[in-house]
Amino acid sequence: ALAPAELAVRSDVIELLGREARVHTCDLAPFERIRTIGILPRDLTIEAGELSPTQKVRRRVVERLYAGLIDAVMPVVA
C-alpha cells in the first residue's frame, strides 16, 4: 500500500478523482462544476493548527500552508 503523500502526486490518481468529480457535478450549472482538483499529502489535523477543536477548517492557516497547491489549481482571474 502506498502512503497518502505518494498517492497525492500520482497523475493516475489525480485523473481518476478529477473524472469522478466531473461525473458527480455534471448536473450542476457550469459555474458550479469542479474543473480542477488538488490533493493534500495528508489529512488536516488539530495538532498542526489546520482544524479547530470542533473540527472546523481554519481557512487562513490552510491557505497559507498550501498556497502553492491552491495557486496551481486555481484559474488565473484577470
N, C-alpha and C. Protein backbone atom coordinates (compact mmCIF):
# COMPACT_ATOMS: atom_id res chain seq x y z
N ALA A 1 0.84 -1.18 0.00
CA ALA A 1 0.00 0.00 0.00
C ALA A 1 0.89 1.24 0.00
N LEU A 2 0.47 2.21 -0.77
CA LEU A 2 1.22 3.47 -0.86
C LEU A 2 0.74 4.45 0.21
N ALA A 3 1.65 5.29 0.63
CA ALA A 3 1.32 6.33 1.61
C ALA A 3 0.48 7.42 0.94
N PRO A 4 -0.36 8.12 1.71
CA PRO A 4 -1.17 9.19 1.13
C PRO A 4 -0.35 10.24 0.38
N ALA A 5 0.83 10.58 0.90
CA ALA A 5 1.67 11.58 0.23
C ALA A 5 2.11 11.11 -1.15
N GLU A 6 2.34 9.81 -1.29
CA GLU A 6 2.73 9.25 -2.59
C GLU A 6 1.54 9.24 -3.56
N LEU A 7 0.37 8.89 -3.05
CA LEU A 7 -0.83 8.87 -3.88
C LEU A 7 -1.22 10.27 -4.35
N ALA A 8 -0.99 11.27 -3.51
CA ALA A 8 -1.39 12.64 -3.82
C ALA A 8 -0.69 13.22 -5.04
N VAL A 9 0.45 12.68 -5.41
CA VAL A 9 1.19 13.23 -6.55
C VAL A 9 1.14 12.35 -7.79
N ARG A 10 0.48 11.21 -7.71
CA ARG A 10 0.39 10.31 -8.87
C ARG A 10 -0.63 10.84 -9.87
N SER A 11 -0.24 10.96 -11.12
CA SER A 11 -1.13 11.51 -12.15
C SER A 11 -2.37 10.64 -12.35
N ASP A 12 -2.24 9.32 -12.24
CA ASP A 12 -3.41 8.46 -12.44
C ASP A 12 -4.45 8.65 -11.34
N VAL A 13 -3.99 8.90 -10.12
CA VAL A 13 -4.91 9.15 -9.01
C VAL A 13 -5.61 10.50 -9.19
N ILE A 14 -4.85 11.51 -9.57
CA ILE A 14 -5.42 12.84 -9.79
C ILE A 14 -6.44 12.80 -10.93
N GLU A 15 -6.12 12.09 -12.01
CA GLU A 15 -7.06 11.97 -13.13
C GLU A 15 -8.32 11.22 -12.72
N LEU A 16 -8.18 10.14 -11.96
CA LEU A 16 -9.33 9.37 -11.51
C LEU A 16 -10.25 10.23 -10.64
N LEU A 17 -9.69 10.92 -9.67
CA LEU A 17 -10.51 11.76 -8.79
C LEU A 17 -11.13 12.94 -9.55
N GLY A 18 -10.40 13.49 -10.50
CA GLY A 18 -10.95 14.56 -11.34
C GLY A 18 -12.13 14.09 -12.16
N ARG A 19 -11.99 12.88 -12.75
CA ARG A 19 -13.10 12.30 -13.52
C ARG A 19 -14.32 12.08 -12.63
N GLU A 20 -14.09 11.53 -11.45
CA GLU A 20 -15.20 11.28 -10.52
C GLU A 20 -15.88 12.60 -10.12
N ALA A 21 -15.09 13.63 -9.88
CA ALA A 21 -15.66 14.93 -9.52
C ALA A 21 -16.51 15.48 -10.66
N ARG A 22 -16.04 15.34 -11.89
CA ARG A 22 -16.81 15.82 -13.04
C ARG A 22 -18.10 15.03 -13.22
N VAL A 23 -18.03 13.72 -13.04
CA VAL A 23 -19.23 12.87 -13.18
C VAL A 23 -20.29 13.28 -12.16
N HIS A 24 -19.85 13.53 -10.94
CA HIS A 24 -20.81 13.82 -9.87
C HIS A 24 -21.27 15.27 -9.83
N THR A 25 -20.70 16.12 -10.67
CA THR A 25 -21.15 17.51 -10.73
C THR A 25 -21.67 17.90 -12.11
N CYS A 26 -21.85 16.92 -13.00
CA CYS A 26 -22.26 17.22 -14.37
C CYS A 26 -23.67 17.82 -14.44
N ASP A 27 -24.52 17.58 -13.46
CA ASP A 27 -25.87 18.13 -13.48
C ASP A 27 -25.95 19.53 -12.89
N LEU A 28 -24.84 20.07 -12.45
CA LEU A 28 -24.80 21.42 -11.90
C LEU A 28 -24.57 22.44 -13.02
N ALA A 29 -24.85 23.70 -12.70
CA ALA A 29 -24.58 24.78 -13.65
C ALA A 29 -23.07 24.83 -13.92
N PRO A 30 -22.67 25.28 -15.10
CA PRO A 30 -21.23 25.30 -15.43
C PRO A 30 -20.35 25.99 -14.39
N PHE A 31 -20.83 27.08 -13.80
CA PHE A 31 -20.01 27.79 -12.82
C PHE A 31 -19.90 27.04 -11.49
N GLU A 32 -20.74 26.04 -11.27
CA GLU A 32 -20.71 25.25 -10.04
C GLU A 32 -19.87 23.98 -10.16
N ARG A 33 -19.52 23.59 -11.37
CA ARG A 33 -18.82 22.34 -11.61
C ARG A 33 -17.36 22.43 -11.18
N ILE A 34 -16.84 21.30 -10.73
CA ILE A 34 -15.43 21.20 -10.36
C ILE A 34 -14.62 21.05 -11.64
N ARG A 35 -13.65 21.96 -11.84
CA ARG A 35 -12.83 21.91 -13.06
C ARG A 35 -11.48 21.27 -12.80
N THR A 36 -10.87 21.59 -11.68
CA THR A 36 -9.57 21.01 -11.34
C THR A 36 -9.58 20.65 -9.86
N ILE A 37 -8.70 19.72 -9.50
CA ILE A 37 -8.60 19.33 -8.10
C ILE A 37 -7.14 19.34 -7.68
N GLY A 38 -6.95 19.48 -6.40
CA GLY A 38 -5.63 19.33 -5.79
C GLY A 38 -5.78 18.39 -4.61
N ILE A 39 -4.81 17.57 -4.40
CA ILE A 39 -4.89 16.57 -3.33
C ILE A 39 -3.82 16.89 -2.29
N LEU A 40 -4.24 17.02 -1.04
CA LEU A 40 -3.29 17.27 0.04
C LEU A 40 -2.52 16.00 0.34
N PRO A 41 -1.27 16.12 0.74
CA PRO A 41 -0.45 14.94 1.01
C PRO A 41 -0.80 14.23 2.32
N ARG A 42 -1.63 14.85 3.14
CA ARG A 42 -2.02 14.25 4.42
C ARG A 42 -3.33 14.87 4.87
N ASP A 43 -3.94 14.26 5.86
CA ASP A 43 -5.18 14.80 6.43
C ASP A 43 -4.88 16.07 7.21
N LEU A 44 -5.86 16.97 7.27
CA LEU A 44 -5.75 18.15 8.12
C LEU A 44 -5.89 17.70 9.58
N THR A 45 -5.16 18.36 10.49
CA THR A 45 -5.19 17.96 11.89
C THR A 45 -5.33 19.16 12.82
N ILE A 46 -5.82 18.87 14.02
CA ILE A 46 -5.89 19.89 15.07
C ILE A 46 -4.48 20.25 15.51
N GLU A 47 -3.61 19.24 15.64
CA GLU A 47 -2.24 19.44 16.12
C GLU A 47 -1.45 20.39 15.23
N ALA A 48 -1.70 20.34 13.93
CA ALA A 48 -0.98 21.22 13.00
C ALA A 48 -1.64 22.60 12.91
N GLY A 49 -2.75 22.78 13.61
CA GLY A 49 -3.43 24.08 13.62
C GLY A 49 -4.35 24.29 12.43
N GLU A 50 -4.56 23.26 11.62
CA GLU A 50 -5.39 23.39 10.43
C GLU A 50 -6.88 23.21 10.73
N LEU A 51 -7.18 22.56 11.85
CA LEU A 51 -8.56 22.37 12.29
C LEU A 51 -8.73 22.92 13.69
N SER A 52 -9.94 23.43 13.96
CA SER A 52 -10.24 23.88 15.31
C SER A 52 -10.59 22.65 16.15
N PRO A 53 -10.69 22.80 17.47
CA PRO A 53 -11.07 21.65 18.31
C PRO A 53 -12.43 21.05 17.94
N THR A 54 -13.27 21.83 17.26
CA THR A 54 -14.57 21.32 16.82
C THR A 54 -14.53 20.84 15.37
N GLN A 55 -13.32 20.59 14.85
CA GLN A 55 -13.10 20.04 13.51
C GLN A 55 -13.46 20.97 12.36
N LYS A 56 -13.50 22.27 12.62
CA LYS A 56 -13.75 23.24 11.55
C LYS A 56 -12.41 23.60 10.91
N VAL A 57 -12.40 23.74 9.60
CA VAL A 57 -11.17 24.08 8.89
C VAL A 57 -10.80 25.53 9.19
N ARG A 58 -9.57 25.74 9.57
CA ARG A 58 -9.04 27.10 9.77
C ARG A 58 -8.50 27.56 8.43
N ARG A 59 -9.37 28.24 7.71
CA ARG A 59 -9.11 28.58 6.32
C ARG A 59 -7.82 29.36 6.12
N ARG A 60 -7.58 30.35 6.93
CA ARG A 60 -6.36 31.16 6.76
C ARG A 60 -5.09 30.32 6.91
N VAL A 61 -5.10 29.40 7.86
CA VAL A 61 -3.94 28.54 8.09
C VAL A 61 -3.74 27.62 6.88
N VAL A 62 -4.82 27.01 6.42
CA VAL A 62 -4.74 26.09 5.27
C VAL A 62 -4.31 26.86 4.02
N GLU A 63 -4.86 28.04 3.81
CA GLU A 63 -4.47 28.84 2.64
C GLU A 63 -2.99 29.20 2.69
N ARG A 64 -2.47 29.48 3.86
CA ARG A 64 -1.05 29.83 4.00
C ARG A 64 -0.17 28.61 3.78
N LEU A 65 -0.52 27.49 4.40
CA LEU A 65 0.30 26.28 4.31
C LEU A 65 0.30 25.66 2.91
N TYR A 66 -0.81 25.75 2.23
CA TYR A 66 -0.94 25.09 0.93
C TYR A 66 -1.11 26.10 -0.22
N ALA A 67 -0.52 27.27 -0.08
CA ALA A 67 -0.64 28.32 -1.10
C ALA A 67 -0.16 27.84 -2.47
N GLY A 68 0.92 27.09 -2.51
CA GLY A 68 1.43 26.59 -3.78
C GLY A 68 0.46 25.68 -4.50
N LEU A 69 -0.14 24.76 -3.76
CA LEU A 69 -1.12 23.85 -4.35
C LEU A 69 -2.37 24.61 -4.78
N ILE A 70 -2.82 25.53 -3.97
CA ILE A 70 -4.00 26.32 -4.30
C ILE A 70 -3.74 27.13 -5.57
N ASP A 71 -2.59 27.77 -5.67
CA ASP A 71 -2.25 28.54 -6.86
C ASP A 71 -2.18 27.65 -8.09
N ALA A 72 -1.72 26.43 -7.93
CA ALA A 72 -1.58 25.52 -9.06
C ALA A 72 -2.93 25.08 -9.63
N VAL A 73 -3.95 25.02 -8.80
CA VAL A 73 -5.25 24.54 -9.30
C VAL A 73 -6.26 25.66 -9.56
N MET A 74 -5.97 26.85 -9.08
CA MET A 74 -6.90 27.97 -9.29
C MET A 74 -6.66 28.61 -10.65
N PRO A 75 -7.74 28.88 -11.38
CA PRO A 75 -7.58 29.58 -12.67
C PRO A 75 -7.16 31.02 -12.42
N VAL A 76 -6.42 31.57 -13.35
CA VAL A 76 -5.99 32.96 -13.24
C VAL A 76 -7.15 33.85 -13.64
N VAL A 77 -7.52 34.77 -12.74
CA VAL A 77 -8.63 35.68 -13.00
C VAL A 77 -8.05 37.05 -13.27
N ALA A 78 -8.40 37.61 -14.41
CA ALA A 78 -7.85 38.93 -14.78
C ALA A 78 -8.77 40.04 -14.37
